[in-house]
Amino acid sequence: MFKSIDIDKANLTIMGVKFADLKTLESTAHALGSNMFEGFEPTQELVQLYVDWKTGVISESDLLTKLYSIYGK
């Protein structure tokens, strides 16, 4: 089933998460869309987590720890 996500190019946001520039927003939107065809369901929390990692707010280790806390078994 197709599920849309909120992408606002004028305000540079995906699901309410702010991006620094249009190029990064568009590449992230394309990646999300491609993965959604495979069943991935993005959340605002995951988009924010990605932006935080990509901009250096959190380390790769922290990214993996947070992902594990969300999806780990």
PDB file of N, CA and C in Angstrom:
ATOM      1  N   MET A   1       0.841  -1.175   0.000  1.00  0.00           N
ATOM      2  CA  MET A   1       0.000   0.000   0.000  1.00  0.00           C
ATOM      3  C   MET A   1       0.893   1.248   0.000  1.00  0.00           C
ATOM      4  N   PHE A   2       0.527   2.227  -0.786  1.00  0.00           N
ATOM      5  CA  PHE A   2       1.285   3.465  -0.888  1.00  0.00           C
ATOM      6  C   PHE A   2       0.956   4.379   0.284  1.00  0.00           C
ATOM      7  N   LYS A   3       1.980   4.908   0.911  1.00  0.00           N
ATOM      8  CA  LYS A   3       1.808   5.864   1.995  1.00  0.00           C
ATOM      9  C   LYS A   3       2.675   7.078   1.684  1.00  0.00           C
ATOM     10  N   SER A   4       2.083   8.246   1.672  1.00  0.00           N
ATOM     11  CA  SER A   4       2.864   9.445   1.364  1.00  0.00           C
ATOM     12  C   SER A   4       3.495  10.007   2.635  1.00  0.00           C
ATOM     13  N   ILE A   5       4.559  10.762   2.437  1.00  0.00           N
ATOM     14  CA  ILE A   5       5.176  11.476   3.548  1.00  0.00           C
ATOM     15  C   ILE A   5       5.177  12.961   3.202  1.00  0.00           C
ATOM     16  N   ASP A   6       5.165  13.788   4.209  1.00  0.00           N
ATOM     17  CA  ASP A   6       5.107  15.232   4.029  1.00  0.00           C
ATOM     18  C   ASP A   6       6.486  15.775   3.666  1.00  0.00           C
ATOM     19  N   ILE A   7       6.606  16.267   2.430  1.00  0.00           N
ATOM     20  CA  ILE A   7       7.840  16.898   1.967  1.00  0.00           C
ATOM     21  C   ILE A   7       7.509  18.331   1.569  1.00  0.00           C
ATOM     22  N   ASP A   8       8.151  19.282   2.207  1.00  0.00           N
ATOM     23  CA  ASP A   8       7.922  20.707   1.946  1.00  0.00           C
ATOM     24  C   ASP A   8       9.226  21.332   1.457  1.00  0.00           C
ATOM     25  N   LYS A   9       9.357  21.429   0.142  1.00  0.00           N
ATOM     26  CA  LYS A   9      10.591  21.961  -0.433  1.00  0.00           C
ATOM     27  C   LYS A   9      10.778  23.439  -0.120  1.00  0.00           C
ATOM     28  N   ALA A  10       9.689  24.181  -0.026  1.00  0.00           N
ATOM     29  CA  ALA A  10       9.786  25.620   0.252  1.00  0.00           C
ATOM     30  C   ALA A  10      10.393  25.877   1.625  1.00  0.00           C
ATOM     31  N   ASN A  11      10.037  25.041   2.601  1.00  0.00           N
ATOM     32  CA  ASN A  11      10.547  25.203   3.965  1.00  0.00           C
ATOM     33  C   ASN A  11      11.660  24.222   4.305  1.00  0.00           C
ATOM     34  N   LEU A  12      12.071  23.428   3.300  1.00  0.00           N
ATOM     35  CA  LEU A  12      13.152  22.446   3.452  1.00  0.00           C
ATOM     36  C   LEU A  12      12.889  21.454   4.592  1.00  0.00           C
ATOM     37  N   THR A  13      11.698  20.866   4.599  1.00  0.00           N
ATOM     38  CA  THR A  13      11.369  19.893   5.637  1.00  0.00           C
ATOM     39  C   THR A  13      10.822  18.590   5.039  1.00  0.00           C
ATOM     40  N   ILE A  14      11.123  17.507   5.729  1.00  0.00           N
ATOM     41  CA  ILE A  14      10.509  16.206   5.482  1.00  0.00           C
ATOM     42  C   ILE A  14       9.922  15.774   6.807  1.00  0.00           C
ATOM     43  N   MET A  15       8.621  15.534   6.819  1.00  0.00           N
ATOM     44  CA  MET A  15       7.909  15.125   8.028  1.00  0.00           C
ATOM     45  C   MET A  15       8.177  16.104   9.179  1.00  0.00           C
ATOM     46  N   GLY A  16       8.333  17.382   8.835  1.00  0.00           N
ATOM     47  CA  GLY A  16       8.570  18.411   9.835  1.00  0.00           C
ATOM     48  C   GLY A  16      10.014  18.590  10.260  1.00  0.00           C
ATOM     49  N   VAL A  17      10.909  17.749   9.746  1.00  0.00           N
ATOM     50  CA  VAL A  17      12.333  17.824  10.104  1.00  0.00           C
ATOM     51  C   VAL A  17      13.031  18.754   9.112  1.00  0.00           C
ATOM     52  N   LYS A  18      13.737  19.738   9.623  1.00  0.00           N
ATOM     53  CA  LYS A  18      14.401  20.759   8.812  1.00  0.00           C
ATOM     54  C   LYS A  18      15.722  20.250   8.228  1.00  0.00           C
ATOM     55  N   PHE A  19      15.937  20.556   6.944  1.00  0.00           N
ATOM     56  CA  PHE A  19      17.183  20.237   6.252  1.00  0.00           C
ATOM     57  C   PHE A  19      17.922  21.522   5.942  1.00  0.00           C
ATOM     58  N   ALA A  20      19.236  21.423   5.810  1.00  0.00           N
ATOM     59  CA  ALA A  20      20.078  22.592   5.591  1.00  0.00           C
ATOM     60  C   ALA A  20      19.952  23.149   4.175  1.00  0.00           C
ATOM     61  N   ASP A  21      19.716  22.252   3.203  1.00  0.00           N
ATOM     62  CA  ASP A  21      19.659  22.703   1.819  1.00  0.00           C
ATOM     63  C   ASP A  21      18.776  21.774   0.989  1.00  0.00           C
ATOM     64  N   LEU A  22      18.391  22.259  -0.185  1.00  0.00           N
ATOM     65  CA  LEU A  22      17.479  21.516  -1.052  1.00  0.00           C
ATOM     66  C   LEU A  22      18.112  20.226  -1.580  1.00  0.00           C
ATOM     67  N   LYS A  23      19.382  20.255  -1.894  1.00  0.00           N
ATOM     68  CA  LYS A  23      20.052  19.060  -2.416  1.00  0.00           C
ATOM     69  C   LYS A  23      19.989  17.908  -1.412  1.00  0.00           C
ATOM     70  N   THR A  24      20.268  18.194  -0.156  1.00  0.00           N
ATOM     71  CA  THR A  24      20.219  17.158   0.881  1.00  0.00           C
ATOM     72  C   THR A  24      18.792  16.673   1.095  1.00  0.00           C
ATOM     73  N   LEU A  25      17.846  17.584   1.107  1.00  0.00           N
ATOM     74  CA  LEU A  25      16.437  17.205   1.261  1.00  0.00           C
ATOM     75  C   LEU A  25      16.020  16.280   0.121  1.00  0.00           C
ATOM     76  N   GLU A  26      16.341  16.643  -1.109  1.00  0.00           N
ATOM     77  CA  GLU A  26      15.926  15.841  -2.253  1.00  0.00           C
ATOM     78  C   GLU A  26      16.587  14.468  -2.265  1.00  0.00           C
ATOM     79  N   SER A  27      17.874  14.390  -1.940  1.00  0.00           N
ATOM     80  CA  SER A  27      18.534  13.084  -1.928  1.00  0.00           C
ATOM     81  C   SER A  27      17.968  12.202  -0.816  1.00  0.00           C
ATOM     82  N   THR A  28      17.642  12.800   0.313  1.00  0.00           N
ATOM     83  CA  THR A  28      17.036  12.039   1.412  1.00  0.00           C
ATOM     84  C   THR A  28      15.631  11.575   1.028  1.00  0.00           C
ATOM     85  N   ALA A  29      14.861  12.452   0.397  1.00  0.00           N
ATOM     86  CA  ALA A  29      13.505  12.093  -0.038  1.00  0.00           C
ATOM     87  C   ALA A  29      13.545  10.932  -1.035  1.00  0.00           C
ATOM     88  N   HIS A  30      14.488  10.957  -1.956  1.00  0.00           N
ATOM     89  CA  HIS A  30      14.626   9.872  -2.934  1.00  0.00           C
ATOM     90  C   HIS A  30      14.996   8.565  -2.237  1.00  0.00           C
ATOM     91  N   ALA A  31      15.922   8.630  -1.290  1.00  0.00           N
ATOM     92  CA  ALA A  31      16.320   7.423  -0.553  1.00  0.00           C
ATOM     93  C   ALA A  31      15.148   6.862   0.252  1.00  0.00           C
ATOM     94  N   LEU A  32      14.414   7.738   0.904  1.00  0.00           N
ATOM     95  CA  LEU A  32      13.249   7.286   1.664  1.00  0.00           C
ATOM     96  C   LEU A  32      12.228   6.623   0.746  1.00  0.00           C
ATOM     97  N   GLY A  33      11.954   7.284  -0.374  1.00  0.00           N
ATOM     98  CA  GLY A  33      10.984   6.741  -1.319  1.00  0.00           C
ATOM     99  C   GLY A  33      11.380   5.374  -1.843  1.00  0.00           C
ATOM    100  N   SER A  34      12.635   5.215  -2.192  1.00  0.00           N
ATOM    101  CA  SER A  34      13.123   3.927  -2.692  1.00  0.00           C
ATOM    102  C   SER A  34      12.957   2.837  -1.645  1.00  0.00           C
ATOM    103  N   ASN A  35      13.292   3.162  -0.407  1.00  0.00           N
ATOM    104  CA  ASN A  35      13.167   2.174   0.670  1.00  0.00           C
ATOM    105  C   ASN A  35      11.719   1.903   1.040  1.00  0.00           C
ATOM    106  N   MET A  36      10.848   2.872   0.848  1.00  0.00           N
ATOM    107  CA  MET A  36       9.435   2.661   1.133  1.00  0.00           C
ATOM    108  C   MET A  36       8.834   1.623   0.181  1.00  0.00           C
ATOM    109  N   PHE A  37       9.352   1.532  -1.047  1.00  0.00           N
ATOM    110  CA  PHE A  37       8.893   0.495  -1.968  1.00  0.00           C
ATOM    111  C   PHE A  37       9.224  -0.891  -1.442  1.00  0.00           C
ATOM    112  N   GLU A  38      10.218  -0.977  -0.587  1.00  0.00           N
ATOM    113  CA  GLU A  38      10.625  -2.253   0.005  1.00  0.00           C
ATOM    114  C   GLU A  38       9.960  -2.505   1.357  1.00  0.00           C
ATOM    115  N   GLY A  39       9.073  -1.598   1.766  1.00  0.00           N
ATOM    116  CA  GLY A  39       8.333  -1.799   3.003  1.00  0.00           C
ATOM    117  C   GLY A  39       8.763  -0.938   4.183  1.00  0.00           C
ATOM    118  N   PHE A  40       9.809  -0.150   4.015  1.00  0.00           N
ATOM    119  CA  PHE A  40      10.264   0.736   5.092  1.00  0.00           C
ATOM    120  C   PHE A  40       9.211   1.801   5.365  1.00  0.00           C
ATOM    121  N   GLU A  41       8.935   2.050   6.640  1.00  0.00           N
ATOM    122  CA  GLU A  41       7.981   3.076   7.047  1.00  0.00           C
ATOM    123  C   GLU A  41       8.714   4.129   7.879  1.00  0.00           C
ATOM    124  N   PRO A  42       9.103   5.240   7.250  1.00  0.00           N
ATOM    125  CA  PRO A  42       9.849   6.266   7.975  1.00  0.00           C
ATOM    126  C   PRO A  42       8.983   6.962   9.017  1.00  0.00           C
ATOM    127  N   THR A  43       9.636   7.424  10.063  1.00  0.00           N
ATOM    128  CA  THR A  43       8.965   8.224  11.093  1.00  0.00           C
ATOM    129  C   THR A  43       9.718   9.537  11.229  1.00  0.00           C
ATOM    130  N   GLN A  44       9.078  10.491  11.844  1.00  0.00           N
ATOM    131  CA  GLN A  44       9.739  11.774  12.079  1.00  0.00           C
ATOM    132  C   GLN A  44      10.986  11.556  12.936  1.00  0.00           C
ATOM    133  N   GLU A  45      10.892  10.675  13.909  1.00  0.00           N
ATOM    134  CA  GLU A  45      12.029  10.382  14.785  1.00  0.00           C
ATOM    135  C   GLU A  45      13.225   9.848  13.993  1.00  0.00           C
ATOM    136  N   LEU A  46      12.970   8.944  13.050  1.00  0.00           N
ATOM    137  CA  LEU A  46      14.063   8.383  12.252  1.00  0.00           C
ATOM    138  C   LEU A  46      14.664   9.416  11.301  1.00  0.00           C
ATOM    139  N   VAL A  47      13.825  10.254  10.712  1.00  0.00           N
ATOM    140  CA  VAL A  47      14.334  11.302   9.827  1.00  0.00           C
ATOM    141  C   VAL A  47      15.207  12.269  10.633  1.00  0.00           C
ATOM    142  N   GLN A  48      14.754  12.638  11.836  1.00  0.00           N
ATOM    143  CA  GLN A  48      15.548  13.534  12.685  1.00  0.00           C
ATOM    144  C   GLN A  48      16.854  12.874  13.103  1.00  0.00           C
ATOM    145  N   LEU A  49      16.796  11.607  13.421  1.00  0.00           N
ATOM    146  CA  LEU A  49      17.996  10.870  13.795  1.00  0.00           C
ATOM    147  C   LEU A  49      19.009  10.877  12.654  1.00  0.00           C
ATOM    148  N   TYR A  50      18.535  10.658  11.433  1.00  0.00           N
ATOM    149  CA  TYR A  50      19.417  10.691  10.264  1.00  0.00           C
ATOM    150  C   TYR A  50      20.054  12.074  10.101  1.00  0.00           C
ATOM    151  N   VAL A  51      19.243  13.126  10.195  1.00  0.00           N
ATOM    152  CA  VAL A  51      19.765  14.493  10.045  1.00  0.00           C
ATOM    153  C   VAL A  51      20.796  14.790  11.125  1.00  0.00           C
ATOM    154  N   ASP A  52      20.515  14.378  12.348  1.00  0.00           N
ATOM    155  CA  ASP A  52      21.459  14.604  13.448  1.00  0.00           C
ATOM    156  C   ASP A  52      22.789  13.907  13.188  1.00  0.00           C
ATOM    157  N   TRP A  53      22.732  12.685  12.677  1.00  0.00           N
ATOM    158  CA  TRP A  53      23.959  11.954  12.363  1.00  0.00           C
ATOM    159  C   TRP A  53      24.688  12.597  11.188  1.00  0.00           C
ATOM    160  N   LYS A  54      23.946  12.923  10.142  1.00  0.00           N
ATOM    161  CA  LYS A  54      24.553  13.481   8.932  1.00  0.00           C
ATOM    162  C   LYS A  54      25.226  14.830   9.194  1.00  0.00           C
ATOM    163  N   THR A  55      24.680  15.613  10.122  1.00  0.00           N
ATOM    164  CA  THR A  55      25.236  16.935  10.411  1.00  0.00           C
ATOM    165  C   THR A  55      26.239  16.909  11.561  1.00  0.00           C
ATOM    166  N   GLY A  56      26.516  15.737  12.125  1.00  0.00           N
ATOM    167  CA  GLY A  56      27.521  15.620  13.170  1.00  0.00           C
ATOM    168  C   GLY A  56      27.033  15.912  14.572  1.00  0.00           C
ATOM    169  N   VAL A  57      25.717  16.042  14.743  1.00  0.00           N
ATOM    170  CA  VAL A  57      25.168  16.275  16.085  1.00  0.00           C
ATOM    171  C   VAL A  57      25.359  15.040  16.954  1.00  0.00           C
ATOM    172  N   ILE A  58      25.216  13.859  16.346  1.00  0.00           N
ATOM    173  CA  ILE A  58      25.463  12.609  17.068  1.00  0.00           C
ATOM    174  C   ILE A  58      26.493  11.790  16.290  1.00  0.00           C
ATOM    175  N   SER A  59      27.195  10.938  16.994  1.00  0.00           N
ATOM    176  CA  SER A  59      28.209  10.088  16.361  1.00  0.00           C
ATOM    177  C   SER A  59      27.546   8.867  15.721  1.00  0.00           C
ATOM    178  N   GLU A  60      28.321   8.162  14.912  1.00  0.00           N
ATOM    179  CA  GLU A  60      27.811   6.940  14.305  1.00  0.00           C
ATOM    180  C   GLU A  60      27.466   5.912  15.382  1.00  0.00           C
ATOM    181  N   SER A  61      28.269   5.859  16.413  1.00  0.00           N
ATOM    182  CA  SER A  61      27.999   4.946  17.523  1.00  0.00           C
ATOM    183  C   SER A  61      26.667   5.277  18.196  1.00  0.00           C
ATOM    184  N   ASP A  62      26.416   6.570  18.412  1.00  0.00           N
ATOM    185  CA  ASP A  62      25.141   6.986  19.014  1.00  0.00           C
ATOM    186  C   ASP A  62      23.974   6.678  18.082  1.00  0.00           C
ATOM    187  N   LEU A  63      24.186   6.858  16.775  1.00  0.00           N
ATOM    188  CA  LEU A  63      23.151   6.526  15.795  1.00  0.00           C
ATOM    189  C   LEU A  63      22.776   5.055  15.910  1.00  0.00           C
ATOM    190  N   LEU A  64      23.787   4.199  15.922  1.00  0.00           N
ATOM    191  CA  LEU A  64      23.526   2.760  16.002  1.00  0.00           C
ATOM    192  C   LEU A  64      22.872   2.374  17.320  1.00  0.00           C
ATOM    193  N   THR A  65      23.288   2.997  18.408  1.00  0.00           N
ATOM    194  CA  THR A  65      22.678   2.727  19.716  1.00  0.00           C
ATOM    195  C   THR A  65      21.204   3.106  19.712  1.00  0.00           C
ATOM    196  N   LYS A  66      20.900   4.265  19.148  1.00  0.00           N
ATOM    197  CA  LYS A  66      19.500   4.716  19.107  1.00  0.00           C
ATOM    198  C   LYS A  66      18.669   3.837  18.180  1.00  0.00           C
ATOM    199  N   LEU A  67      19.231   3.440  17.045  1.00  0.00           N
ATOM    200  CA  LEU A  67      18.512   2.536  16.154  1.00  0.00           C
ATOM    201  C   LEU A  67      18.239   1.208  16.836  1.00  0.00           C
ATOM    202  N   TYR A  68      19.220   0.707  17.570  1.00  0.00           N
ATOM    203  CA  TYR A  68      19.033  -0.544  18.287  1.00  0.00           C
ATOM    204  C   TYR A  68      17.935  -0.398  19.348  1.00  0.00           C
ATOM    205  N   SER A  69      17.895   0.761  20.012  1.00  0.00           N
ATOM    206  CA  SER A  69      16.859   0.954  21.041  1.00  0.00           C
ATOM    207  C   SER A  69      15.463   1.022  20.415  1.00  0.00           C
ATOM    208  N   ILE A  70      15.384   1.433  19.163  1.00  0.00           N
ATOM    209  CA  ILE A  70      14.093   1.499  18.478  1.00  0.00           C
ATOM    210  C   ILE A  70      13.709   0.127  17.906  1.00  0.00           C
ATOM    211  N   TYR A  71      14.663  -0.524  17.243  1.00  0.00           N
ATOM    212  CA  TYR A  71      14.368  -1.746  16.497  1.00  0.00           C
ATOM    213  C   TYR A  71      14.989  -3.012  17.053  1.00  0.00           C
ATOM    214  N   GLY A  72      15.900  -2.888  18.007  1.00  0.00           N
ATOM    215  CA  GLY A  72      16.607  -4.056  18.517  1.00  0.00           C
ATOM    216  C   GLY A  72      15.695  -5.061  19.182  1.00  0.00           C
ATOM    217  N   LYS A  73      16.134  -6.271  19.175  1.00  0.00           N
ATOM    218  CA  LYS A  73      15.340  -7.356  19.784  1.00  0.00           C
ATOM    219  C   LYS A  73      15.943  -7.742  21.107  1.00  0.00           C
TER     220      LYS A  73
END
